[in-house]
């Protein structure tokens, strides 16, 4: 089953695409696993996710912690930190 990954703001700019459908390896169980796996997919991903702790993530449009399981996720969105103003 493929999962839609959506990238926002500078994450999108650094990766070079707004979204993609991917087949996640079975070993990817949590958001943290996903971020590590994405970083291994190429220089643009490594650049976008060089500080994974600051990346905010939403699964099926609900914000989650990095320890959250991703089983059954249809859509996972990655955001840079929100800045106030």
PDB file of N, CA and C in Angstrom:
ATOM      1  N   UNK A   1       0.840  -1.174   0.000  1.00  0.00           N
ATOM      2  CA  UNK A   1       0.000   0.000   0.000  1.00  0.00           C
ATOM      3  C   UNK A   1       0.890   1.245   0.000  1.00  0.00           C
ATOM      4  N   UNK A   2       0.592   2.169  -0.878  1.00  0.00           N
ATOM      5  CA  UNK A   2       1.410   3.370  -0.918  1.00  0.00           C
ATOM      6  C   UNK A   2       0.861   4.418   0.052  1.00  0.00           C
ATOM      7  N   UNK A   3       1.755   5.272   0.484  1.00  0.00           N
ATOM      8  CA  UNK A   3       1.427   6.365   1.398  1.00  0.00           C
ATOM      9  C   UNK A   3       1.779   7.669   0.706  1.00  0.00           C
ATOM     10  N   UNK A   4       0.900   8.648   0.815  1.00  0.00           N
ATOM     11  CA  UNK A   4       1.172   9.966   0.231  1.00  0.00           C
ATOM     12  C   UNK A   4       1.957  10.790   1.240  1.00  0.00           C
ATOM     13  N   UNK A   5       3.119  11.272   0.821  1.00  0.00           N
ATOM     14  CA  UNK A   5       3.917  12.176   1.635  1.00  0.00           C
ATOM     15  C   UNK A   5       3.748  13.573   1.054  1.00  0.00           C
ATOM     16  N   UNK A   6       3.443  14.538   1.913  1.00  0.00           N
ATOM     17  CA  UNK A   6       3.248  15.921   1.490  1.00  0.00           C
ATOM     18  C   UNK A   6       4.266  16.784   2.220  1.00  0.00           C
ATOM     19  N   UNK A   7       4.929  17.649   1.473  1.00  0.00           N
ATOM     20  CA  UNK A   7       5.982  18.492   2.037  1.00  0.00           C
ATOM     21  C   UNK A   7       5.556  19.956   1.977  1.00  0.00           C
ATOM     22  N   UNK A   8       5.825  20.698   3.042  1.00  0.00           N
ATOM     23  CA  UNK A   8       5.441  22.098   3.126  1.00  0.00           C
ATOM     24  C   UNK A   8       6.645  23.014   3.325  1.00  0.00           C
ATOM     25  N   UNK A   9       6.505  24.262   2.846  1.00  0.00           N
ATOM     26  CA  UNK A   9       7.457  25.353   3.059  1.00  0.00           C
ATOM     27  C   UNK A   9       8.871  24.941   2.640  1.00  0.00           C
ATOM     28  N   UNK A  10       9.876  25.213   3.499  1.00  0.00           N
ATOM     29  CA  UNK A  10      11.241  24.929   3.062  1.00  0.00           C
ATOM     30  C   UNK A  10      11.548  23.447   2.967  1.00  0.00           C
ATOM     31  N   UNK A  11      10.761  22.581   3.592  1.00  0.00           N
ATOM     32  CA  UNK A  11      10.957  21.140   3.391  1.00  0.00           C
ATOM     33  C   UNK A  11      10.681  20.826   1.919  1.00  0.00           C
ATOM     34  N   UNK A  12       9.576  21.361   1.397  1.00  0.00           N
ATOM     35  CA  UNK A  12       9.213  21.170  -0.017  1.00  0.00           C
ATOM     36  C   UNK A  12      10.287  21.767  -0.932  1.00  0.00           C
ATOM     37  N   UNK A  13      10.742  22.956  -0.608  1.00  0.00           N
ATOM     38  CA  UNK A  13      11.739  23.619  -1.451  1.00  0.00           C
ATOM     39  C   UNK A  13      13.038  22.830  -1.515  1.00  0.00           C
ATOM     40  N   UNK A  14      13.470  22.310  -0.392  1.00  0.00           N
ATOM     41  CA  UNK A  14      14.741  21.570  -0.358  1.00  0.00           C
ATOM     42  C   UNK A  14      14.630  20.207  -1.027  1.00  0.00           C
ATOM     43  N   UNK A  15      13.482  19.541  -0.870  1.00  0.00           N
ATOM     44  CA  UNK A  15      13.305  18.232  -1.502  1.00  0.00           C
ATOM     45  C   UNK A  15      13.032  18.406  -3.000  1.00  0.00           C
ATOM     46  N   UNK A  16      12.373  19.507  -3.348  1.00  0.00           N
ATOM     47  CA  UNK A  16      12.150  19.795  -4.756  1.00  0.00           C
ATOM     48  C   UNK A  16      10.847  19.264  -5.309  1.00  0.00           C
ATOM     49  N   UNK A  17       9.935  18.886  -4.439  1.00  0.00           N
ATOM     50  CA  UNK A  17       8.619  18.424  -4.883  1.00  0.00           C
ATOM     51  C   UNK A  17       7.605  18.657  -3.768  1.00  0.00           C
ATOM     52  N   UNK A  18       6.343  18.892  -4.127  1.00  0.00           N
ATOM     53  CA  UNK A  18       5.333  19.151  -3.101  1.00  0.00           C
ATOM     54  C   UNK A  18       4.811  17.883  -2.432  1.00  0.00           C
ATOM     55  N   UNK A  19       4.826  16.769  -3.151  1.00  0.00           N
ATOM     56  CA  UNK A  19       4.320  15.510  -2.597  1.00  0.00           C
ATOM     57  C   UNK A  19       4.800  14.347  -3.435  1.00  0.00           C
ATOM     58  N   UNK A  20       4.626  13.146  -2.887  1.00  0.00           N
ATOM     59  CA  UNK A  20       4.944  11.922  -3.616  1.00  0.00           C
ATOM     60  C   UNK A  20       4.248  10.751  -2.949  1.00  0.00           C
ATOM     61  N   UNK A  21       3.987   9.727  -3.738  1.00  0.00           N
ATOM     62  CA  UNK A  21       3.439   8.483  -3.216  1.00  0.00           C
ATOM     63  C   UNK A  21       4.590   7.502  -3.103  1.00  0.00           C
ATOM     64  N   UNK A  22       4.741   6.889  -1.928  1.00  0.00           N
ATOM     65  CA  UNK A  22       5.849   5.960  -1.708  1.00  0.00           C
ATOM     66  C   UNK A  22       5.338   4.660  -1.103  1.00  0.00           C
ATOM     67  N   UNK A  23       6.073   3.605  -1.400  1.00  0.00           N
ATOM     68  CA  UNK A  23       5.856   2.311  -0.748  1.00  0.00           C
ATOM     69  C   UNK A  23       6.859   2.259   0.393  1.00  0.00           C
ATOM     70  N   UNK A  24       6.373   2.303   1.613  1.00  0.00           N
ATOM     71  CA  UNK A  24       7.274   2.307   2.763  1.00  0.00           C
ATOM     72  C   UNK A  24       7.766   0.894   3.061  1.00  0.00           C
ATOM     73  N   UNK A  25       9.053   0.736   3.331  1.00  0.00           N
ATOM     74  CA  UNK A  25       9.563  -0.569   3.744  1.00  0.00           C
ATOM     75  C   UNK A  25       8.877  -1.037   5.032  1.00  0.00           C
ATOM     76  N   UNK A  26       8.753  -2.334   5.192  1.00  0.00           N
ATOM     77  CA  UNK A  26       8.072  -2.895   6.367  1.00  0.00           C
ATOM     78  C   UNK A  26       8.728  -2.472   7.675  1.00  0.00           C
ATOM     79  N   UNK A  27      10.020  -2.198   7.643  1.00  0.00           N
ATOM     80  CA  UNK A  27      10.742  -1.831   8.871  1.00  0.00           C
ATOM     81  C   UNK A  27      10.380  -0.432   9.375  1.00  0.00           C
ATOM     82  N   UNK A  28       9.697   0.373   8.583  1.00  0.00           N
ATOM     83  CA  UNK A  28       9.343   1.735   8.976  1.00  0.00           C
ATOM     84  C   UNK A  28       8.078   1.666   9.821  1.00  0.00           C
ATOM     85  N   UNK A  29       8.235   1.842  11.133  1.00  0.00           N
ATOM     86  CA  UNK A  29       7.099   1.714  12.041  1.00  0.00           C
ATOM     87  C   UNK A  29       6.650   3.032  12.651  1.00  0.00           C
ATOM     88  N   UNK A  30       7.584   3.958  12.851  1.00  0.00           N
ATOM     89  CA  UNK A  30       7.256   5.213  13.530  1.00  0.00           C
ATOM     90  C   UNK A  30       7.631   6.404  12.645  1.00  0.00           C
ATOM     91  N   UNK A  31       7.189   7.573  13.047  1.00  0.00           N
ATOM     92  CA  UNK A  31       7.557   8.799  12.345  1.00  0.00           C
ATOM     93  C   UNK A  31       9.076   8.952  12.336  1.00  0.00           C
ATOM     94  N   UNK A  32       9.731   8.685  13.447  1.00  0.00           N
ATOM     95  CA  UNK A  32      11.192   8.796  13.516  1.00  0.00           C
ATOM     96  C   UNK A  32      11.854   7.861  12.496  1.00  0.00           C
ATOM     97  N   UNK A  33      11.334   6.634  12.355  1.00  0.00           N
ATOM     98  CA  UNK A  33      11.857   5.699  11.355  1.00  0.00           C
ATOM     99  C   UNK A  33      11.696   6.276   9.948  1.00  0.00           C
ATOM    100  N   UNK A  34      10.538   6.863   9.695  1.00  0.00           N
ATOM    101  CA  UNK A  34      10.262   7.459   8.386  1.00  0.00           C
ATOM    102  C   UNK A  34      11.259   8.567   8.078  1.00  0.00           C
ATOM    103  N   UNK A  35      11.506   9.450   9.028  1.00  0.00           N
ATOM    104  CA  UNK A  35      12.438  10.545   8.802  1.00  0.00           C
ATOM    105  C   UNK A  35      13.845  10.031   8.528  1.00  0.00           C
ATOM    106  N   UNK A  36      14.282   9.001   9.264  1.00  0.00           N
ATOM    107  CA  UNK A  36      15.608   8.409   9.019  1.00  0.00           C
ATOM    108  C   UNK A  36      15.668   7.807   7.616  1.00  0.00           C
ATOM    109  N   UNK A  37      14.620   7.093   7.214  1.00  0.00           N
ATOM    110  CA  UNK A  37      14.571   6.461   5.901  1.00  0.00           C
ATOM    111  C   UNK A  37      14.589   7.512   4.798  1.00  0.00           C
ATOM    112  N   UNK A  38      13.794   8.565   4.961  1.00  0.00           N
ATOM    113  CA  UNK A  38      13.767   9.621   3.951  1.00  0.00           C
ATOM    114  C   UNK A  38      15.141  10.258   3.778  1.00  0.00           C
ATOM    115  N   UNK A  39      15.837  10.500   4.890  1.00  0.00           N
ATOM    116  CA  UNK A  39      17.171  11.110   4.811  1.00  0.00           C
ATOM    117  C   UNK A  39      18.122  10.271   3.957  1.00  0.00           C
ATOM    118  N   UNK A  40      17.889   8.960   3.899  1.00  0.00           N
ATOM    119  CA  UNK A  40      18.773   8.064   3.152  1.00  0.00           C
ATOM    120  C   UNK A  40      18.442   8.031   1.659  1.00  0.00           C
ATOM    121  N   UNK A  41      17.402   8.741   1.237  1.00  0.00           N
ATOM    122  CA  UNK A  41      16.940   8.663  -0.156  1.00  0.00           C
ATOM    123  C   UNK A  41      17.662   9.608  -1.104  1.00  0.00           C
ATOM    124  N   UNK A  42      18.560  10.421  -0.599  1.00  0.00           N
ATOM    125  CA  UNK A  42      19.302  11.290  -1.502  1.00  0.00           C
ATOM    126  C   UNK A  42      19.687  12.593  -0.839  1.00  0.00           C
ATOM    127  N   UNK A  43      20.542  13.322  -1.529  1.00  0.00           N
ATOM    128  CA  UNK A  43      21.104  14.558  -0.984  1.00  0.00           C
ATOM    129  C   UNK A  43      20.032  15.591  -0.646  1.00  0.00           C
ATOM    130  N   UNK A  44      19.016  15.729  -1.498  1.00  0.00           N
ATOM    131  CA  UNK A  44      17.985  16.725  -1.240  1.00  0.00           C
ATOM    132  C   UNK A  44      17.177  16.385   0.017  1.00  0.00           C
ATOM    133  N   UNK A  45      16.914  15.104   0.249  1.00  0.00           N
ATOM    134  CA  UNK A  45      16.207  14.687   1.459  1.00  0.00           C
ATOM    135  C   UNK A  45      17.085  14.896   2.692  1.00  0.00           C
ATOM    136  N   UNK A  46      18.347  14.535   2.553  1.00  0.00           N
ATOM    137  CA  UNK A  46      19.274  14.712   3.671  1.00  0.00           C
ATOM    138  C   UNK A  46      19.368  16.187   4.055  1.00  0.00           C
ATOM    139  N   UNK A  47      19.401  17.062   3.073  1.00  0.00           N
ATOM    140  CA  UNK A  47      19.462  18.504   3.327  1.00  0.00           C
ATOM    141  C   UNK A  47      18.177  18.987   4.012  1.00  0.00           C
ATOM    142  N   UNK A  48      17.035  18.555   3.523  1.00  0.00           N
ATOM    143  CA  UNK A  48      15.748  18.997   4.083  1.00  0.00           C
ATOM    144  C   UNK A  48      15.540  18.484   5.502  1.00  0.00           C
ATOM    145  N   UNK A  49      16.071  17.305   5.787  1.00  0.00           N
ATOM    146  CA  UNK A  49      15.799  16.647   7.076  1.00  0.00           C
ATOM    147  C   UNK A  49      17.046  16.535   7.933  1.00  0.00           C
ATOM    148  N   UNK A  50      18.000  17.442   7.737  1.00  0.00           N
ATOM    149  CA  UNK A  50      19.252  17.335   8.483  1.00  0.00           C
ATOM    150  C   UNK A  50      19.054  17.516   9.987  1.00  0.00           C
ATOM    151  N   UNK A  51      17.980  18.194  10.383  1.00  0.00           N
ATOM    152  CA  UNK A  51      17.641  18.346  11.805  1.00  0.00           C
ATOM    153  C   UNK A  51      16.245  17.772  12.020  1.00  0.00           C
ATOM    154  N   UNK A  52      16.118  16.445  12.033  1.00  0.00           N
ATOM    155  CA  UNK A  52      14.788  15.834  12.091  1.00  0.00           C
ATOM    156  C   UNK A  52      13.984  16.217  13.332  1.00  0.00           C
ATOM    157  N   UNK A  53      14.655  16.558  14.419  1.00  0.00           N
ATOM    158  CA  UNK A  53      13.930  16.894  15.649  1.00  0.00           C
ATOM    159  C   UNK A  53      13.033  18.120  15.492  1.00  0.00           C
ATOM    160  N   UNK A  54      13.340  19.007  14.535  1.00  0.00           N
ATOM    161  CA  UNK A  54      12.522  20.205  14.372  1.00  0.00           C
ATOM    162  C   UNK A  54      11.367  20.015  13.396  1.00  0.00           C
ATOM    163  N   UNK A  55      11.377  18.915  12.672  1.00  0.00           N
ATOM    164  CA  UNK A  55      10.322  18.670  11.689  1.00  0.00           C
ATOM    165  C   UNK A  55       9.029  18.282  12.405  1.00  0.00           C
ATOM    166  N   UNK A  56       7.963  18.958  12.043  1.00  0.00           N
ATOM    167  CA  UNK A  56       6.639  18.623  12.577  1.00  0.00           C
ATOM    168  C   UNK A  56       5.947  17.716  11.581  1.00  0.00           C
ATOM    169  N   UNK A  57       5.145  16.792  12.098  1.00  0.00           N
ATOM    170  CA  UNK A  57       4.535  15.774  11.237  1.00  0.00           C
ATOM    171  C   UNK A  57       3.052  15.636  11.564  1.00  0.00           C
ATOM    172  N   UNK A  58       2.264  15.450  10.511  1.00  0.00           N
ATOM    173  CA  UNK A  58       0.839  15.164  10.673  1.00  0.00           C
ATOM    174  C   UNK A  58       0.534  13.869   9.924  1.00  0.00           C
ATOM    175  N   UNK A  59      -0.193  12.976  10.588  1.00  0.00           N
ATOM    176  CA  UNK A  59      -0.663  11.744   9.963  1.00  0.00           C
ATOM    177  C   UNK A  59      -2.167  11.893   9.772  1.00  0.00           C
ATOM    178  N   UNK A  60      -2.607  11.719   8.525  1.00  0.00           N
ATOM    179  CA  UNK A  60      -4.026  11.888   8.198  1.00  0.00           C
ATOM    180  C   UNK A  60      -4.578  13.184   8.782  1.00  0.00           C
ATOM    181  N   UNK A  61      -3.804  14.262   8.623  1.00  0.00           N
ATOM    182  CA  UNK A  61      -4.155  15.630   9.013  1.00  0.00           C
ATOM    183  C   UNK A  61      -4.262  15.854  10.519  1.00  0.00           C
ATOM    184  N   UNK A  62      -3.570  15.009  11.294  1.00  0.00           N
ATOM    185  CA  UNK A  62      -3.530  15.188  12.749  1.00  0.00           C
ATOM    186  C   UNK A  62      -2.072  15.219  13.200  1.00  0.00           C
ATOM    187  N   UNK A  63      -1.669  16.306  13.872  1.00  0.00           N
ATOM    188  CA  UNK A  63      -0.279  16.428  14.318  1.00  0.00           C
ATOM    189  C   UNK A  63       0.063  15.336  15.322  1.00  0.00           C
ATOM    190  N   UNK A  64       1.261  14.758  15.155  1.00  0.00           N
ATOM    191  CA  UNK A  64       1.688  13.636  15.995  1.00  0.00           C
ATOM    192  C   UNK A  64       3.137  13.838  16.425  1.00  0.00           C
ATOM    193  N   UNK A  65       3.529  13.087  17.442  1.00  0.00           N
ATOM    194  CA  UNK A  65       4.915  13.063  17.919  1.00  0.00           C
ATOM    195  C   UNK A  65       5.720  12.094  17.050  1.00  0.00           C
ATOM    196  N   UNK A  66       7.036  12.206  17.104  1.00  0.00           N
ATOM    197  CA  UNK A  66       7.902  11.352  16.286  1.00  0.00           C
ATOM    198  C   UNK A  66       7.863   9.892  16.702  1.00  0.00           C
ATOM    199  N   UNK A  67       7.404   9.597  17.899  1.00  0.00           N
ATOM    200  CA  UNK A  67       7.327   8.194  18.333  1.00  0.00           C
ATOM    201  C   UNK A  67       6.034   7.522  17.859  1.00  0.00           C
ATOM    202  N   UNK A  68       5.136   8.282  17.249  1.00  0.00           N
ATOM    203  CA  UNK A  68       3.843   7.770  16.786  1.00  0.00           C
ATOM    204  C   UNK A  68       4.034   6.697  15.716  1.00  0.00           C
ATOM    205  N   UNK A  69       3.242   5.631  15.801  1.00  0.00           N
ATOM    206  CA  UNK A  69       3.252   4.572  14.783  1.00  0.00           C
ATOM    207  C   UNK A  69       2.577   5.095  13.522  1.00  0.00           C
ATOM    208  N   UNK A  70       3.060   4.673  12.359  1.00  0.00           N
ATOM    209  CA  UNK A  70       2.481   5.154  11.108  1.00  0.00           C
ATOM    210  C   UNK A  70       1.647   4.101  10.387  1.00  0.00           C
ATOM    211  N   UNK A  71       1.449   2.948  11.002  1.00  0.00           N
ATOM    212  CA  UNK A  71       0.662   1.888  10.369  1.00  0.00           C
ATOM    213  C   UNK A  71      -0.709   2.422   9.968  1.00  0.00           C
ATOM    214  N   UNK A  72      -1.099   2.167   8.738  1.00  0.00           N
ATOM    215  CA  UNK A  72      -2.402   2.577   8.251  1.00  0.00           C
ATOM    216  C   UNK A  72      -2.497   4.019   7.791  1.00  0.00           C
ATOM    217  N   UNK A  73      -1.393   4.749   7.843  1.00  0.00           N
ATOM    218  CA  UNK A  73      -1.425   6.151   7.424  1.00  0.00           C
ATOM    219  C   UNK A  73      -1.642   6.238   5.914  1.00  0.00           C
ATOM    220  N   UNK A  74      -2.627   7.025   5.523  1.00  0.00           N
ATOM    221  CA  UNK A  74      -2.856   7.270   4.094  1.00  0.00           C
ATOM    222  C   UNK A  74      -2.070   8.493   3.639  1.00  0.00           C
ATOM    223  N   UNK A  75      -1.861   9.431   4.560  1.00  0.00           N
ATOM    224  CA  UNK A  75      -1.204  10.686   4.224  1.00  0.00           C
ATOM    225  C   UNK A  75      -0.328  11.126   5.395  1.00  0.00           C
ATOM    226  N   UNK A  76       0.919  11.473   5.086  1.00  0.00           N
ATOM    227  CA  UNK A  76       1.835  11.975   6.099  1.00  0.00           C
ATOM    228  C   UNK A  76       2.412  13.288   5.579  1.00  0.00           C
ATOM    229  N   UNK A  77       2.230  14.341   6.357  1.00  0.00           N
ATOM    230  CA  UNK A  77       2.712  15.663   5.968  1.00  0.00           C
ATOM    231  C   UNK A  77       3.895  16.058   6.844  1.00  0.00           C
ATOM    232  N   UNK A  78       4.897  16.667   6.227  1.00  0.00           N
ATOM    233  CA  UNK A  78       6.082  17.140   6.937  1.00  0.00           C
ATOM    234  C   UNK A  78       6.154  18.655   6.831  1.00  0.00           C
ATOM    235  N   UNK A  79       6.311  19.305   7.984  1.00  0.00           N
ATOM    236  CA  UNK A  79       6.336  20.758   8.085  1.00  0.00           C
ATOM    237  C   UNK A  79       7.613  21.215   8.777  1.00  0.00           C
ATOM    238  N   UNK A  80       8.102  22.383   8.415  1.00  0.00           N
ATOM    239  CA  UNK A  80       9.169  22.975   9.218  1.00  0.00           C
ATOM    240  C   UNK A  80       8.566  23.514  10.506  1.00  0.00           C
ATOM    241  N   UNK A  81       9.392  23.933  11.458  1.00  0.00           N
ATOM    242  CA  UNK A  81       8.854  24.506  12.683  1.00  0.00           C
ATOM    243  C   UNK A  81       7.999  25.738  12.369  1.00  0.00           C
ATOM    244  N   UNK A  82       6.949  25.914  13.120  1.00  0.00           N
ATOM    245  CA  UNK A  82       6.101  27.090  12.932  1.00  0.00           C
ATOM    246  C   UNK A  82       6.750  28.272  13.626  1.00  0.00           C
ATOM    247  N   UNK A  83       6.703  29.406  12.974  1.00  0.00           N
ATOM    248  CA  UNK A  83       7.239  30.615  13.590  1.00  0.00           C
ATOM    249  C   UNK A  83       6.090  31.551  13.905  1.00  0.00           C
ATOM    250  N   UNK A  84       6.176  32.179  15.025  1.00  0.00           N
ATOM    251  CA  UNK A  84       5.102  33.085  15.448  1.00  0.00           C
ATOM    252  C   UNK A  84       5.358  34.508  14.990  1.00  0.00           C
ATOM    253  N   UNK A  85       4.324  35.319  15.142  1.00  0.00           N
ATOM    254  CA  UNK A  85       4.535  36.693  14.739  1.00  0.00           C
ATOM    255  C   UNK A  85       3.291  37.509  14.993  1.00  0.00           C
TER     256      UNK A  85
END
